[in-house]
Structure formats: C-alpha cells, structure tokens
C-alpha atoms as a PDB file:
ATOM      1  CA  MET A   1      16.361   7.448  25.041  1.00  0.00           C
ATOM      2  CA  MET A   2      13.376   4.265  25.348  1.00  0.00           C
ATOM      3  CA  GLN A   3       9.846   5.052  24.328  1.00  0.00           C
ATOM      4  CA  THR A   4       7.881   3.757  27.665  1.00  0.00           C
ATOM      5  CA  ASP A   5       4.685   4.156  26.348  1.00  0.00           C
ATOM      6  CA  VAL A   6       4.205   2.068  23.456  1.00  0.00           C
ATOM      7  CA  LYS A   7       1.703  -0.487  24.170  1.00  0.00           C
ATOM      8  CA  PRO A   8       1.125  -3.616  22.146  1.00  0.00           C
ATOM      9  CA  PHE A   9      -2.664  -4.522  20.347  1.00  0.00           C
ATOM     10  CA  ASP A  10      -3.426  -8.216  19.602  1.00  0.00           C
ATOM     11  CA  LEU A  11      -5.779 -10.245  17.010  1.00  0.00           C
ATOM     12  CA  SER A  12      -5.563 -13.709  16.061  1.00  0.00           C
ATOM     13  CA  SER A  13      -6.048 -14.958  12.689  1.00  0.00           C
ATOM     14  CA  GLY A  14      -9.206 -14.454  11.086  1.00  0.00           C
ATOM     15  CA  GLY A  15     -10.535 -11.988  12.505  1.00  0.00           C
ATOM     16  CA  GLY A  16     -11.214  -7.777  13.210  1.00  0.00           C
ATOM     17  CA  ASP A  17     -10.969  -5.540  15.164  1.00  0.00           C
ATOM     18  CA  PHE A  18     -10.821  -1.594  15.937  1.00  0.00           C
ATOM     19  CA  MET A  19     -10.318   1.340  18.425  1.00  0.00           C
ATOM     20  CA  GLU A  20     -11.671   3.719  19.222  1.00  0.00           C
ATOM     21  CA  GLY A  21      -9.844   7.687  20.237  1.00  0.00           C
ATOM     22  CA  ARG A  22      -6.729   9.233  18.641  1.00  0.00           C
ATOM     23  CA  VAL A  23      -3.673   6.543  18.077  1.00  0.00           C
ATOM     24  CA  ARG A  24       0.324   5.745  16.714  1.00  0.00           C
ATOM     25  CA  ILE A  25       0.514   2.551  14.819  1.00  0.00           C
ATOM     26  CA  LYS A  26       4.096   2.184  15.543  1.00  0.00           C
ATOM     27  CA  GLY A  27       5.061  -0.798  13.883  1.00  0.00           C
ATOM     28  CA  VAL A  28       3.607  -4.636  13.429  1.00  0.00           C
ATOM     29  CA  THR A  29       4.493  -8.431  14.072  1.00  0.00           C
ATOM     30  CA  LEU A  30       2.794 -10.470  11.898  1.00  0.00           C
ATOM     31  CA  THR A  31       3.052 -14.004  12.606  1.00  0.00           C
ATOM     32  CA  TYR A  32       2.106 -16.486   9.474  1.00  0.00           C
ATOM     33  CA  ASN A  33       1.213 -20.570   9.956  1.00  0.00           C
ATOM     34  CA  GLY A  34       1.696 -21.657   6.489  1.00  0.00           C
ATOM     35  CA  ASP A  35      -2.346 -21.714   5.643  1.00  0.00           C
ATOM     36  CA  GLY A  36      -2.398 -20.135   2.506  1.00  0.00           C
ATOM     37  CA  MET A  37      -2.092 -16.735   1.508  1.00  0.00           C
ATOM     38  CA  GLY A  38      -3.441 -13.674   4.226  1.00  0.00           C
ATOM     39  CA  TYR A  39      -3.477 -10.379   4.700  1.00  0.00           C
ATOM     40  CA  PHE A  40      -3.684  -7.879   7.633  1.00  0.00           C
ATOM     41  CA  VAL A  41      -4.806  -4.184   6.945  1.00  0.00           C
ATOM     42  CA  ILE A  42      -5.593  -0.828   9.309  1.00  0.00           C
ATOM     43  CA  TYR A  43      -7.734   1.064   7.868  1.00  0.00           C
ATOM     44  CA  TRP A  44      -8.520   5.311   9.600  1.00  0.00           C
ATOM     45  CA  ASP A  45      -9.988   7.985   8.005  1.00  0.00           C
ATOM     46  CA  GLU A  46      -7.485   8.733   5.148  1.00  0.00           C
ATOM     47  CA  GLY A  47      -6.260   5.031   4.567  1.00  0.00           C
ATOM     48  CA  TYR A  48      -5.010   1.775   5.442  1.00  0.00           C
ATOM     49  CA  TYR A  49      -2.169   0.299   5.381  1.00  0.00           C
ATOM     50  CA  TYR A  50      -1.816  -3.194   3.305  1.00  0.00           C
ATOM     51  CA  VAL A  51       0.296  -6.129   3.643  1.00  0.00           C
ATOM     52  CA  ASP A  52       0.492  -9.621   1.696  1.00  0.00           C
ATOM     53  CA  VAL A  53       1.196 -12.657   4.035  1.00  0.00           C
ATOM     54  CA  PRO A  54       3.297 -15.277   1.208  1.00  0.00           C
ATOM     55  CA  ASN A  55       1.835 -18.383   2.292  1.00  0.00           C
ATOM     56  CA  MET A  56       4.864 -19.935   4.350  1.00  0.00           C
ATOM     57  CA  VAL A  57       5.591 -20.122   8.610  1.00  0.00           C
ATOM     58  CA  GLY A  58       7.450 -17.030   9.693  1.00  0.00           C
ATOM     59  CA  ASN A  59       6.760 -13.947  10.694  1.00  0.00           C
ATOM     60  CA  ILE A  60       7.614 -10.236   9.443  1.00  0.00           C
ATOM     61  CA  ASN A  61       8.351  -7.355  12.058  1.00  0.00           C
ATOM     62  CA  ILE A  62       6.816  -3.683  10.353  1.00  0.00           C
ATOM     63  CA  LEU A  63       8.428  -0.511  11.936  1.00  0.00           C
ATOM     64  CA  LEU A  64       6.550   2.438  10.895  1.00  0.00           C
ATOM     65  CA  PRO A  65       8.912   5.138   9.938  1.00  0.00           C
ATOM     66  CA  GLY A  66       9.435   8.970  11.765  1.00  0.00           C
ATOM     67  CA  GLU A  67       6.173   9.069  13.135  1.00  0.00           C
ATOM     68  CA  GLY A  68       4.293   5.944  12.914  1.00  0.00           C
ATOM     69  CA  ILE A  69       0.856   6.077  10.855  1.00  0.00           C
ATOM     70  CA  ARG A  70      -1.185   8.396  13.057  1.00  0.00           C
ATOM     71  CA  THR A  71      -5.435   7.869  13.278  1.00  0.00           C
ATOM     72  CA  GLY A  72      -7.724  10.064  13.812  1.00  0.00           C
ATOM     73  CA  GLU A  73     -10.971   9.244  15.817  1.00  0.00           C
ATOM     74  CA  PHE A  74     -11.668   5.255  14.611  1.00  0.00           C
ATOM     75  CA  SER A  75      -8.845   2.605  12.715  1.00  0.00           C
ATOM     76  CA  ALA A  76     -10.432  -1.049  12.344  1.00  0.00           C
ATOM     77  CA  TYR A  77      -7.599  -3.641  11.783  1.00  0.00           C
ATOM     78  CA  GLU A  78      -8.032  -6.896   9.599  1.00  0.00           C
ATOM     79  CA  ALA A  79      -6.228 -10.397   9.492  1.00  0.00           C
ATOM     80  CA  PHE A  80      -6.753 -13.457   7.557  1.00  0.00           C
ATOM     81  CA  ASN A  81      -4.739 -16.672   7.892  1.00  0.00           C
ATOM     82  CA  CYS A  82      -2.375 -14.745  10.314  1.00  0.00           C
ATOM     83  CA  SER A  83      -2.581 -12.831  13.960  1.00  0.00           C
ATOM     84  CA  ALA A  84      -1.091  -9.690  14.269  1.00  0.00           C
ATOM     85  CA  THR A  85       0.591  -7.398  17.307  1.00  0.00           C
ATOM     86  CA  VAL A  86       0.024  -3.397  16.799  1.00  0.00           C
ATOM     87  CA  TYR A  87       2.243  -1.330  18.526  1.00  0.00           C
ATOM     88  CA  TYR A  88       0.990   1.867  18.495  1.00  0.00           C
ATOM     89  CA  GLY A  89       0.858   4.963  21.744  1.00  0.00           C
END
C-alpha cells in the first residue's frame, strides 16, 4: 500500500526554518556541492538529529525507519553547505 500523505519541505543552503504543529519526519534528501564541510540538523522538543555533510559533490537519501521522528508542537531545521528536502506527514 502506498502512503499518500507525505509532503516535502525544502530548505536552502545556509538557511534555517521551522514548522509549528506535530509532524512525523519520514526522510530527508541532502544535496551538497563541494563548498566545504557542512551539516544538517533537525531540532525538536525531545532532542535533535544531526548529519555531517562531506566536502564533495553528491547527495544522500535518509529514510527514518518505523514511524519516523515525531516532533512536538515545534520543530526547527538548519542546513549549512547543503540543501535539504524534508519529507513529513
């Protein structure tokens, strides 16, 4: 059965943004262009998820197993030397 309620959230390089309300983060696609070492991080009430980005050209697809990450009423996102698409539902 295909899940149809997953939506994308784009975050540009060197940027930050946030979402209000509870969401489940299902996965992330990171694209990096070799401008130097970087990182991507998701902050929420109970913790954070951090990924180092290498100094090379490429992309990473990250699938979060099971139910994914369930955020609280607020979640923040930050990307440095990469762009990200966060999939949530």
